[in-house]
Amino acid sequence: MLLSALLLACGTAAVLDMSVARQALAAARAAGARVYATDQLNRAESLLKTAEHMLNNRHYGKARQSANDARDEAIRARETAQQMTPKA
């Protein structure tokens, strides 16, 4: 019973981390990262796919790490895009 609860908690944490990463990706896209930070955005998307794969295979720790890496890369992509976007 305790093991089941622990696995559920780990899975839930990974899902939450992935949600945060998805939000960071959405913010990066909205800031123009597809145009101004393409490589960073592609890396973030790839890391999120890796996180999804790890979660599906119950590798919760690896899923969380990949999701957090995706979030960080998406934040960098958003920041780069914001710096590169021409100011009106």
C-alpha atoms as a PDB file:
ATOM      1  CA  MET A   1       0.000   0.000   0.000  1.00  0.00           C
ATOM      2  CA  LEU A   2       2.794   2.405   0.912  1.00  0.00           C
ATOM      3  CA  LEU A   3       4.632   1.576  -2.310  1.00  0.00           C
ATOM      4  CA  SER A   4       1.505   2.300  -4.349  1.00  0.00           C
ATOM      5  CA  ALA A   5       1.102   5.661  -2.656  1.00  0.00           C
ATOM      6  CA  LEU A   6       4.743   6.506  -3.284  1.00  0.00           C
ATOM      7  CA  LEU A   7       4.514   5.606  -6.977  1.00  0.00           C
ATOM      8  CA  LEU A   8       1.343   7.664  -7.333  1.00  0.00           C
ATOM      9  CA  ALA A   9       3.053  10.650  -5.713  1.00  0.00           C
ATOM     10  CA  CYS A  10       6.079  10.334  -8.008  1.00  0.00           C
ATOM     11  CA  GLY A  11       3.850  10.084 -11.062  1.00  0.00           C
ATOM     12  CA  THR A  12       1.802  13.070  -9.951  1.00  0.00           C
ATOM     13  CA  ALA A  13       4.939  15.180  -9.453  1.00  0.00           C
ATOM     14  CA  ALA A  14       6.160  14.270 -12.936  1.00  0.00           C
ATOM     15  CA  VAL A  15       2.800  15.221 -14.446  1.00  0.00           C
ATOM     16  CA  LEU A  16       2.902  18.576 -12.655  1.00  0.00           C
ATOM     17  CA  ASP A  17       6.443  19.233 -13.874  1.00  0.00           C
ATOM     18  CA  MET A  18       5.351  18.421 -17.413  1.00  0.00           C
ATOM     19  CA  SER A  19       2.433  20.843 -17.101  1.00  0.00           C
ATOM     20  CA  VAL A  20       4.807  23.627 -16.068  1.00  0.00           C
ATOM     21  CA  ALA A  21       7.075  22.769 -19.005  1.00  0.00           C
ATOM     22  CA  ARG A  22       4.118  22.924 -21.411  1.00  0.00           C
ATOM     23  CA  GLN A  23       3.196  26.352 -20.073  1.00  0.00           C
ATOM     24  CA  ALA A  24       6.772  27.549 -20.517  1.00  0.00           C
ATOM     25  CA  LEU A  25       6.743  26.229 -24.094  1.00  0.00           C
ATOM     26  CA  ALA A  26       3.478  28.050 -24.809  1.00  0.00           C
ATOM     27  CA  ALA A  27       4.967  31.288 -23.450  1.00  0.00           C
ATOM     28  CA  ALA A  28       8.069  30.819 -25.592  1.00  0.00           C
ATOM     29  CA  ARG A  29       5.976  30.289 -28.712  1.00  0.00           C
ATOM     30  CA  ALA A  30       3.858  33.350 -27.891  1.00  0.00           C
ATOM     31  CA  ALA A  31       7.045  35.418 -27.533  1.00  0.00           C
ATOM     32  CA  GLY A  32       8.168  34.426 -31.029  1.00  0.00           C
ATOM     33  CA  ALA A  33      10.622  31.665 -30.212  1.00  0.00           C
ATOM     34  CA  ARG A  34       9.628  29.768 -33.359  1.00  0.00           C
ATOM     35  CA  VAL A  35      11.248  32.616 -35.310  1.00  0.00           C
ATOM     36  CA  TYR A  36      13.900  34.008 -32.961  1.00  0.00           C
ATOM     37  CA  ALA A  37      14.997  30.993 -30.880  1.00  0.00           C
ATOM     38  CA  THR A  38      14.260  28.004 -33.083  1.00  0.00           C
ATOM     39  CA  ASP A  39      17.024  25.723 -31.818  1.00  0.00           C
ATOM     40  CA  GLN A  40      16.222  26.352 -28.169  1.00  0.00           C
ATOM     41  CA  LEU A  41      12.516  25.818 -28.767  1.00  0.00           C
ATOM     42  CA  ASN A  42      13.179  22.583 -30.655  1.00  0.00           C
ATOM     43  CA  ARG A  43      15.374  21.332 -27.793  1.00  0.00           C
ATOM     44  CA  ALA A  44      12.647  22.159 -25.271  1.00  0.00           C
ATOM     45  CA  GLU A  45      10.041  20.327 -27.336  1.00  0.00           C
ATOM     46  CA  SER A  46      12.320  17.313 -27.680  1.00  0.00           C
ATOM     47  CA  LEU A  47      12.977  17.243 -23.943  1.00  0.00           C
ATOM     48  CA  LEU A  48       9.243  17.348 -23.261  1.00  0.00           C
ATOM     49  CA  LYS A  49       8.692  14.409 -25.609  1.00  0.00           C
ATOM     50  CA  THR A  50      11.407  12.532 -23.739  1.00  0.00           C
ATOM     51  CA  ALA A  51       9.655  13.339 -20.462  1.00  0.00           C
ATOM     52  CA  GLU A  52       6.364  12.007 -21.841  1.00  0.00           C
ATOM     53  CA  HIS A  53       8.085   8.817 -22.955  1.00  0.00           C
ATOM     54  CA  MET A  54       9.735   8.365 -19.557  1.00  0.00           C
ATOM     55  CA  LEU A  55       6.434   8.960 -17.760  1.00  0.00           C
ATOM     56  CA  ASN A  56       4.662   6.408 -19.943  1.00  0.00           C
ATOM     57  CA  ASN A  57       7.353   3.889 -19.016  1.00  0.00           C
ATOM     58  CA  ARG A  58       7.096   4.747 -15.304  1.00  0.00           C
ATOM     59  CA  HIS A  59      10.565   6.249 -15.084  1.00  0.00           C
ATOM     60  CA  TYR A  60       9.281   9.066 -12.906  1.00  0.00           C
ATOM     61  CA  GLY A  61      12.609  10.537 -11.837  1.00  0.00           C
ATOM     62  CA  LYS A  62      13.854  10.732 -15.424  1.00  0.00           C
ATOM     63  CA  ALA A  63      10.498  12.142 -16.517  1.00  0.00           C
ATOM     64  CA  ARG A  64      10.755  14.909 -13.943  1.00  0.00           C
ATOM     65  CA  GLN A  65      14.336  15.721 -14.929  1.00  0.00           C
ATOM     66  CA  SER A  66      13.476  15.915 -18.628  1.00  0.00           C
ATOM     67  CA  ALA A  67      10.391  18.020 -17.899  1.00  0.00           C
ATOM     68  CA  ASN A  68      12.426  20.423 -15.776  1.00  0.00           C
ATOM     69  CA  ASP A  69      15.110  20.604 -18.469  1.00  0.00           C
ATOM     70  CA  ALA A  70      12.371  21.321 -21.038  1.00  0.00           C
ATOM     71  CA  ARG A  71      11.001  24.100 -18.826  1.00  0.00           C
ATOM     72  CA  ASP A  72      14.447  25.670 -18.441  1.00  0.00           C
ATOM     73  CA  GLU A  73      15.170  25.502 -22.168  1.00  0.00           C
ATOM     74  CA  ALA A  74      11.746  26.973 -22.971  1.00  0.00           C
ATOM     75  CA  ILE A  75      12.413  29.845 -20.581  1.00  0.00           C
ATOM     76  CA  ARG A  76      15.727  30.515 -22.323  1.00  0.00           C
ATOM     77  CA  ALA A  77      13.953  30.400 -25.693  1.00  0.00           C
ATOM     78  CA  ARG A  78      11.333  32.896 -24.487  1.00  0.00           C
ATOM     79  CA  GLU A  79      14.016  35.225 -23.135  1.00  0.00           C
ATOM     80  CA  THR A  80      15.998  35.021 -26.380  1.00  0.00           C
ATOM     81  CA  ALA A  81      12.883  35.693 -28.444  1.00  0.00           C
ATOM     82  CA  GLN A  82      11.963  38.673 -26.299  1.00  0.00           C
ATOM     83  CA  GLN A  83      15.448  40.142 -26.725  1.00  0.00           C
ATOM     84  CA  MET A  84      15.413  39.559 -30.500  1.00  0.00           C
ATOM     85  CA  THR A  85      11.884  40.810 -31.201  1.00  0.00           C
ATOM     86  CA  PRO A  86      11.963  44.226 -32.860  1.00  0.00           C
ATOM     87  CA  LYS A  87      10.576  46.905 -30.583  1.00  0.00           C
ATOM     88  CA  ALA A  88       7.777  49.084 -31.930  1.00  0.00           C
END
